[in-house]
Amino acid sequence: MAQDNGSNVQVPLVDDRPVWDVVFAIYGYPALLLAHRLKVFPLLAEGARTLPEICDALNIKPRPAEAILTAATALGFLSLQEGRYALTPVTEEYLLEKSPNYFGFFWDLMIDNYQVCSYAGLEKAIQTDAPQAYGGGDIFKSHEEQIELLHRFTCGMHSISMTPALVWPQVMDFSRHRMMLDIGGGSGAHSIGAALRLPHLQARILDFSQVCEIAQTYIAQYGLQDRVKTYDGNIWQDHWPSADLHFFSNMYHDWMPEKCHFLTAKSFNSLESGGRIVIHEMLYNDEKTGPFYSAAFSMMMLGWTEGKQYSGQELTAMLKDIGFVEIQIHKAFGYYSIVTGLKP
C-alpha cells in the first residue's frame, strides 16, 4: 500500500504576495498609462463623474472602464465617493497639462516606446548588453538625426525635471556661486529652476544646437532670457565655458564608469578654484540592495542607454579620485539626491 505523505506537507513560512505583486505590477501600472492616453484625468478635471458618465464621455464599455478606474483609485490617482470618481491632489499636480509640474509628456514617451520595457525588449537588452530604444543603438545619435524624436524626448525630460529643479537649489547654500553650467542640460529645466530659486545666479545650458533651440523656448516662457543662456557644443569634444558651478542631472546614469570619470575630470579641470560640481541622480544604497526605484531605473537605463544607476558611495569615490573635496550627499525632491564636491 502506497504511503500517504500528505500529512508531511507544510504551510509555507511566508505568504505568496511578493510573487503575485510582480504579476499585478505588469497589469496594474499600465492602467495609469491607459487612463492618461484615454484622457480620463482632463475629463475629471471638469468635475467628478460616475462610471456610466465616464463610459459615455470616453466611448468605452463599463468592464474595461471599471478595471482602469479601480486601478487608478487603488494607486492613489483617483478617489471614489458616493459613486463619483474625482481627481486626487497628486493627479491635479502632475497629470493635468495646465500644471507647471505636468509629468504626462514623460508618460507619453514611455507609451510611444513601450517595446523597450516589454519582456522581449528587456530580454534582448540583457542578452546583447545594448539599448533597445528606437530599434537599438545610440539614442543621442538618433536625436541628432531625427528632430521629431529629439523634440519628444526633450519634452519628456522637461516634464520630469521642472519640479525637482525647484527643490535642489535650496537643499544647501549655493550663495557663493555666480555662474552655473548645466552640462547636457536639455530643455534647461534645472537652469530655469536654479535661476528662479537663486536670484543672484546666471546659468548656461550646454547641449547640441538643436536641443538649445528647444531650451530657448522654455527659457522665454519663464522670462529668463537675461539670466539663462544656451551654449551650443558637444560635451565630450568641445571646450566648456567658464563657470563656478557645474550641474549634471540624470547624466551620469547614461554612461558606464569610464565615461563618468571623463566627465568628472573635465569638470574638475574646467572649474575655477572653489568651484562646485553637483550630480543629481536617484541613488542606490551603498550595499546595492536597493532601493527598488533605483533598481527599476537601472532597468530603464538598460533599455535606453549604455549606463546604469550609481550609489552615493560610488559617486563619492569618483569625485575623490579626481580631486574634489568636501563631498556631501543631500536628499533632494522625491527619489532624487545630489552628490556635490568642491575643487580646492
Protein backbone atom coordinates (compact mmCIF):
# COMPACT_ATOMS: atom_id res chain seq x y z
CA MET A 1 0.00 0.00 0.00
CA ALA A 2 1.44 3.39 -1.04
CA GLN A 3 2.46 5.64 1.81
CA ASP A 4 0.38 8.81 2.23
CA ASN A 5 2.80 11.73 2.52
CA GLY A 6 0.09 14.38 2.57
CA SER A 7 0.45 14.83 6.29
CA ASN A 8 4.06 15.96 5.75
CA VAL A 9 3.13 18.93 3.55
CA GLN A 10 3.71 22.12 5.50
CA VAL A 11 2.19 25.56 5.06
CA PRO A 12 4.92 27.90 3.69
CA LEU A 13 6.65 30.09 6.27
CA VAL A 14 5.90 33.22 4.20
CA ASP A 15 2.89 34.04 2.06
CA ASP A 16 2.90 34.44 -1.72
CA ARG A 17 2.08 38.14 -2.02
CA PRO A 18 5.53 39.21 -3.29
CA VAL A 19 5.35 36.82 -6.26
CA TRP A 20 1.80 37.93 -7.01
CA ASP A 21 2.91 41.56 -6.80
CA VAL A 22 5.21 41.01 -9.78
CA VAL A 23 2.25 39.86 -11.89
CA PHE A 24 -0.03 42.60 -10.61
CA ALA A 25 2.58 45.28 -11.40
CA ILE A 26 2.73 44.10 -15.02
CA TYR A 27 -1.02 44.58 -15.43
CA GLY A 28 -1.81 47.22 -12.83
CA TYR A 29 0.54 50.06 -13.63
CA PRO A 30 -0.21 50.20 -17.37
CA ALA A 31 -3.77 51.05 -16.33
CA LEU A 32 -2.46 54.51 -15.42
CA LEU A 33 -0.84 54.94 -18.83
CA LEU A 34 -4.12 53.91 -20.44
CA ALA A 35 -6.10 56.32 -18.27
CA HIS A 36 -3.66 59.04 -19.32
CA ARG A 37 -3.89 58.21 -23.01
CA LEU A 38 -7.71 57.97 -22.83
CA LYS A 39 -7.72 61.43 -21.20
CA VAL A 40 -9.54 60.30 -18.08
CA PHE A 41 -7.79 62.93 -15.99
CA PRO A 42 -8.66 66.00 -18.10
CA LEU A 43 -12.24 64.73 -18.20
CA LEU A 44 -12.45 64.53 -14.41
CA ALA A 45 -10.78 67.93 -14.09
CA GLU A 46 -14.11 69.27 -15.37
CA GLY A 47 -15.87 67.64 -12.42
CA ALA A 48 -16.49 64.31 -10.67
CA ARG A 49 -18.33 61.69 -12.72
CA THR A 50 -19.98 58.32 -12.30
CA LEU A 51 -18.82 55.20 -14.11
CA PRO A 52 -21.63 55.41 -16.73
CA GLU A 53 -20.86 59.09 -17.33
CA ILE A 54 -17.18 58.30 -17.89
CA CYS A 55 -18.07 55.44 -20.23
CA ASP A 56 -20.31 57.72 -22.29
CA ALA A 57 -17.74 60.51 -22.46
CA LEU A 58 -14.86 58.23 -23.48
CA ASN A 59 -16.89 55.75 -25.53
CA ILE A 60 -15.66 52.67 -23.67
CA LYS A 61 -17.56 49.78 -22.06
CA PRO A 62 -18.16 49.51 -18.30
CA ARG A 63 -15.96 46.42 -17.72
CA PRO A 64 -12.66 47.89 -19.02
CA ALA A 65 -13.53 51.32 -17.66
CA GLU A 66 -14.09 49.92 -14.17
CA ALA A 67 -10.80 47.99 -14.30
CA ILE A 68 -8.81 51.09 -15.27
CA LEU A 69 -10.60 53.40 -12.83
CA THR A 70 -10.26 50.97 -9.93
CA ALA A 71 -6.53 50.58 -10.57
CA ALA A 72 -6.12 54.36 -10.72
CA THR A 73 -8.08 54.68 -7.47
CA ALA A 74 -6.12 51.94 -5.72
CA LEU A 75 -2.85 53.63 -6.71
CA GLY A 76 -3.96 57.00 -5.37
CA PHE A 77 -4.63 58.88 -8.61
CA LEU A 78 -8.43 58.96 -8.24
CA SER A 79 -10.89 58.96 -5.37
CA LEU A 80 -14.36 57.42 -5.34
CA GLN A 81 -17.07 58.91 -3.18
CA GLU A 82 -20.80 58.33 -3.45
CA GLY A 83 -20.30 56.62 -6.80
CA ARG A 84 -18.39 59.51 -8.40
CA TYR A 85 -14.75 59.45 -9.43
CA ALA A 86 -12.64 62.55 -8.81
CA LEU A 87 -9.02 63.60 -9.09
CA THR A 88 -6.65 63.42 -6.15
CA PRO A 89 -4.06 66.14 -5.37
CA VAL A 90 -1.20 64.17 -6.95
CA THR A 91 -3.14 63.90 -10.21
CA GLU A 92 -4.04 67.59 -10.19
CA GLU A 93 -0.38 68.45 -9.60
CA TYR A 94 1.26 66.14 -12.14
CA LEU A 95 -1.22 64.84 -14.70
CA LEU A 96 -3.07 67.93 -15.90
CA GLU A 97 -1.31 69.72 -18.74
CA LYS A 98 -2.13 73.14 -17.34
CA SER A 99 0.08 72.40 -14.31
CA PRO A 100 3.69 73.66 -14.43
CA ASN A 101 4.62 70.29 -12.89
CA TYR A 102 2.96 68.23 -15.62
CA PHE A 103 4.53 64.75 -15.84
CA GLY A 104 2.42 63.50 -18.73
CA PHE A 105 4.91 64.17 -21.52
CA PHE A 106 7.25 61.63 -19.92
CA TRP A 107 4.41 59.10 -19.77
CA ASP A 108 3.83 59.80 -23.48
CA LEU A 109 7.48 58.99 -24.11
CA MET A 110 7.09 55.70 -22.25
CA ILE A 111 3.92 54.81 -24.17
CA ASP A 112 5.44 55.67 -27.54
CA ASN A 113 8.43 53.45 -26.76
CA TYR A 114 6.65 50.75 -24.78
CA GLN A 115 8.50 47.98 -26.60
CA VAL A 116 11.63 49.00 -24.69
CA CYS A 117 10.11 47.96 -21.34
CA SER A 118 8.39 44.86 -22.68
CA TYR A 119 9.74 41.50 -21.57
CA ALA A 120 11.09 40.84 -25.06
CA GLY A 121 12.76 44.25 -25.23
CA LEU A 122 14.43 43.92 -21.85
CA GLU A 123 15.44 40.32 -22.54
CA LYS A 124 17.20 41.47 -25.71
CA ALA A 125 18.85 44.33 -23.81
CA ILE A 126 20.18 41.81 -21.28
CA GLN A 127 21.35 39.33 -23.89
CA THR A 128 23.09 41.97 -26.03
CA ASP A 129 24.07 44.45 -23.28
CA ALA A 130 22.83 47.15 -25.65
CA PRO A 131 19.97 49.70 -25.50
CA GLN A 132 16.81 48.93 -27.46
CA ALA A 133 15.09 52.33 -27.77
CA TYR A 134 14.31 53.41 -31.34
CA GLY A 135 15.26 49.92 -32.51
CA GLY A 136 18.64 49.90 -30.75
CA GLY A 137 21.80 51.96 -30.92
CA ASP A 138 22.75 55.35 -29.52
CA ILE A 139 19.60 57.33 -28.64
CA PHE A 140 21.53 60.61 -28.70
CA LYS A 141 22.73 59.91 -32.24
CA SER A 142 19.12 59.18 -33.18
CA HIS A 143 18.11 62.54 -31.72
CA GLU A 144 20.69 64.33 -33.85
CA GLU A 145 19.35 62.64 -36.97
CA GLN A 146 15.60 62.79 -36.26
CA ILE A 147 14.40 66.11 -34.93
CA GLU A 148 10.91 64.82 -34.02
CA LEU A 149 12.43 62.21 -31.70
CA LEU A 150 14.59 64.92 -30.17
CA HIS A 151 11.57 67.16 -29.52
CA ARG A 152 9.54 64.40 -27.89
CA PHE A 153 12.47 63.24 -25.75
CA THR A 154 13.38 66.77 -24.63
CA CYS A 155 9.74 67.50 -23.82
CA GLY A 156 9.55 64.27 -21.80
CA MET A 157 12.72 65.14 -19.88
CA HIS A 158 11.39 68.63 -19.15
CA SER A 159 8.21 67.02 -17.84
CA ILE A 160 10.10 65.11 -15.13
CA SER A 161 12.68 67.80 -14.38
CA MET A 162 10.85 71.05 -13.65
CA THR A 163 9.62 70.12 -10.18
CA PRO A 164 12.92 68.72 -8.79
CA ALA A 165 14.63 71.71 -10.42
CA LEU A 166 12.83 73.98 -7.95
CA VAL A 167 13.98 71.96 -4.91
CA TRP A 168 17.68 71.03 -5.15
CA PRO A 169 18.86 74.68 -5.24
CA GLN A 170 17.52 75.07 -1.70
CA VAL A 171 18.87 71.92 -0.04
CA MET A 172 22.23 73.61 0.67
CA ASP A 173 23.91 77.01 0.42
CA PHE A 174 24.77 77.98 -3.18
CA SER A 175 25.06 81.71 -2.45
CA ARG A 176 28.80 81.91 -3.25
CA HIS A 177 28.32 80.66 -6.80
CA ARG A 178 27.58 83.07 -9.63
CA MET A 179 27.61 81.10 -12.91
CA MET A 180 26.10 77.64 -13.37
CA LEU A 181 26.92 75.43 -16.35
CA ASP A 182 24.13 72.91 -16.95
CA ILE A 183 26.00 70.14 -18.79
CA GLY A 184 23.78 68.25 -21.21
CA GLY A 185 21.03 70.48 -19.84
CA GLY A 186 18.36 69.59 -22.39
CA SER A 187 15.27 71.77 -22.01
CA GLY A 188 17.03 73.91 -19.42
CA ALA A 189 14.60 72.95 -16.65
CA HIS A 190 17.31 72.85 -13.99
CA SER A 191 18.85 76.14 -15.11
CA ILE A 192 15.37 77.69 -15.00
CA GLY A 193 14.69 76.23 -11.56
CA ALA A 194 18.04 77.38 -10.23
CA ALA A 195 17.53 80.89 -11.62
CA LEU A 196 14.08 81.11 -10.03
CA ARG A 197 15.35 79.95 -6.64
CA LEU A 198 18.74 81.71 -6.65
CA PRO A 199 18.24 85.31 -7.82
CA HIS A 200 21.99 86.03 -7.92
CA LEU A 201 22.75 83.12 -10.28
CA GLN A 202 23.37 83.19 -14.02
CA ALA A 203 23.15 79.92 -15.98
CA ARG A 204 24.37 78.46 -19.26
CA ILE A 205 22.89 75.34 -20.85
CA LEU A 206 25.49 73.29 -22.73
CA ASP A 207 23.98 70.96 -25.31
CA PHE A 208 23.70 70.31 -29.05
CA SER A 209 22.42 73.21 -31.13
CA GLN A 210 19.09 71.51 -31.88
CA VAL A 211 18.50 71.00 -28.14
CA CYS A 212 19.49 74.57 -27.35
CA GLU A 213 16.84 75.83 -29.76
CA ILE A 214 14.20 73.94 -27.79
CA ALA A 215 15.62 75.18 -24.49
CA GLN A 216 15.32 78.77 -25.63
CA THR A 217 11.54 78.40 -25.94
CA TYR A 218 11.30 77.17 -22.34
CA ILE A 219 13.59 79.96 -21.11
CA ALA A 220 11.33 82.51 -22.83
CA GLN A 221 8.23 81.03 -21.15
CA TYR A 222 9.73 81.97 -17.78
CA GLY A 223 11.06 85.35 -18.94
CA LEU A 224 14.63 84.43 -18.01
CA GLN A 225 16.40 85.31 -21.27
CA ASP A 226 18.66 87.81 -19.45
CA ARG A 227 19.93 85.25 -16.92
CA VAL A 228 19.73 81.86 -18.64
CA LYS A 229 21.53 81.40 -21.94
CA THR A 230 22.36 78.44 -24.17
CA TYR A 231 25.77 77.36 -25.40
CA ASP A 232 25.99 75.07 -28.43
CA GLY A 233 28.54 72.33 -28.03
CA ASN A 234 29.50 68.70 -27.75
CA ILE A 235 30.12 67.94 -24.07
CA TRP A 236 32.74 65.31 -24.94
CA GLN A 237 34.75 67.17 -27.55
CA ASP A 238 34.28 70.91 -27.10
CA HIS A 239 35.59 73.44 -24.59
CA TRP A 240 33.23 74.19 -21.69
CA PRO A 241 32.52 77.87 -20.98
CA SER A 242 33.66 79.39 -17.69
CA ALA A 243 31.53 78.65 -14.62
CA ASP A 244 31.93 78.10 -10.88
CA LEU A 245 29.04 75.62 -10.58
CA HIS A 246 28.73 72.54 -12.77
CA PHE A 247 25.42 70.71 -12.75
CA PHE A 248 24.61 67.25 -14.10
CA SER A 249 21.08 65.83 -13.84
CA ASN A 250 20.25 62.30 -15.00
CA MET A 251 23.54 62.37 -16.91
CA TYR A 252 25.83 60.01 -15.06
CA HIS A 253 23.31 57.19 -15.34
CA ASP A 254 23.58 57.38 -19.15
CA TRP A 255 27.16 56.12 -19.07
CA MET A 256 29.43 53.46 -17.62
CA PRO A 257 32.11 54.49 -15.08
CA GLU A 258 34.85 55.21 -17.62
CA LYS A 259 32.81 57.94 -19.32
CA CYS A 260 31.56 59.26 -15.97
CA HIS A 261 35.20 59.57 -14.86
CA PHE A 262 35.89 61.51 -18.06
CA LEU A 263 33.05 63.95 -17.34
CA THR A 264 34.16 64.31 -13.72
CA ALA A 265 37.75 65.03 -14.75
CA LYS A 266 36.64 67.51 -17.41
CA SER A 267 34.50 69.25 -14.81
CA PHE A 268 37.41 69.41 -12.37
CA ASN A 269 39.76 70.80 -14.98
CA SER A 270 37.22 73.34 -16.25
CA LEU A 271 36.08 74.68 -12.89
CA GLU A 272 37.87 77.56 -11.26
CA SER A 273 39.27 77.06 -7.75
CA GLY A 274 36.42 76.91 -5.26
CA GLY A 275 34.02 75.74 -7.97
CA ARG A 276 31.42 73.11 -7.21
CA ILE A 277 30.14 70.02 -9.01
CA VAL A 278 26.55 68.84 -8.41
CA ILE A 279 25.35 65.42 -9.59
CA HIS A 280 21.55 64.98 -9.40
CA GLU A 281 20.50 61.32 -9.52
CA MET A 282 18.39 58.58 -7.98
CA LEU A 283 20.96 56.67 -5.95
CA TYR A 284 21.40 53.04 -5.00
CA ASN A 285 22.16 52.47 -1.34
CA ASP A 286 25.80 51.70 -0.63
CA GLU A 287 25.14 47.97 -0.20
CA LYS A 288 23.44 47.77 -3.62
CA THR A 289 20.43 46.02 -2.04
CA GLY A 290 18.03 48.71 -3.26
CA PRO A 291 16.03 50.80 -3.11
CA PHE A 292 13.62 49.36 -5.65
CA TYR A 293 13.13 52.65 -7.53
CA SER A 294 16.85 52.88 -8.29
CA ALA A 295 16.97 49.26 -9.38
CA ALA A 296 13.98 49.86 -11.66
CA PHE A 297 15.65 53.00 -13.03
CA SER A 298 18.71 50.91 -13.84
CA MET A 299 16.46 48.53 -15.78
CA MET A 300 15.13 51.54 -17.67
CA MET A 301 18.69 52.60 -18.49
CA LEU A 302 19.38 49.06 -19.68
CA GLY A 303 16.69 49.57 -22.31
CA TRP A 304 17.50 53.19 -23.21
CA THR A 305 21.22 53.86 -22.75
CA GLU A 306 24.57 52.21 -22.13
CA GLY A 307 24.53 53.32 -18.48
CA LYS A 308 23.25 52.40 -15.01
CA GLN A 309 22.40 53.93 -11.64
CA TYR A 310 25.13 54.54 -9.07
CA SER A 311 25.31 54.58 -5.30
CA GLY A 312 26.30 57.65 -3.35
CA GLN A 313 29.41 55.78 -2.28
CA GLU A 314 30.40 55.13 -5.89
CA LEU A 315 29.95 58.74 -6.94
CA THR A 316 31.78 59.95 -3.83
CA ALA A 317 34.73 57.72 -4.67
CA MET A 318 34.68 59.00 -8.25
CA LEU A 319 34.79 62.63 -7.13
CA LYS A 320 37.56 61.95 -4.60
CA ASP A 321 39.59 60.09 -7.19
CA ILE A 322 39.52 63.11 -9.49
CA GLY A 323 40.43 65.56 -6.72
CA PHE A 324 37.16 67.04 -5.40
CA VAL A 325 36.95 67.68 -1.66
CA GLU A 326 34.25 68.34 0.96
CA ILE A 327 31.98 65.83 -0.76
CA GLN A 328 28.42 65.75 0.54
CA ILE A 329 25.21 63.88 -0.25
CA HIS A 330 21.84 65.55 0.31
CA LYS A 331 18.31 64.30 -0.21
CA ALA A 332 16.50 66.44 -2.74
CA PHE A 333 12.99 66.10 -4.20
CA GLY A 334 11.14 62.76 -4.20
CA TYR A 335 13.53 59.94 -5.05
CA TYR A 336 16.37 62.30 -6.04
CA SER A 337 19.57 63.16 -4.21
CA ILE A 338 22.51 65.38 -5.03
CA VAL A 339 26.17 64.45 -4.66
CA THR A 340 28.40 67.50 -4.56
CA GLY A 341 32.05 68.43 -4.04
CA LEU A 342 34.40 71.42 -4.29
CA LYS A 343 37.53 71.94 -6.36
CA PRO A 344 40.30 73.10 -3.98
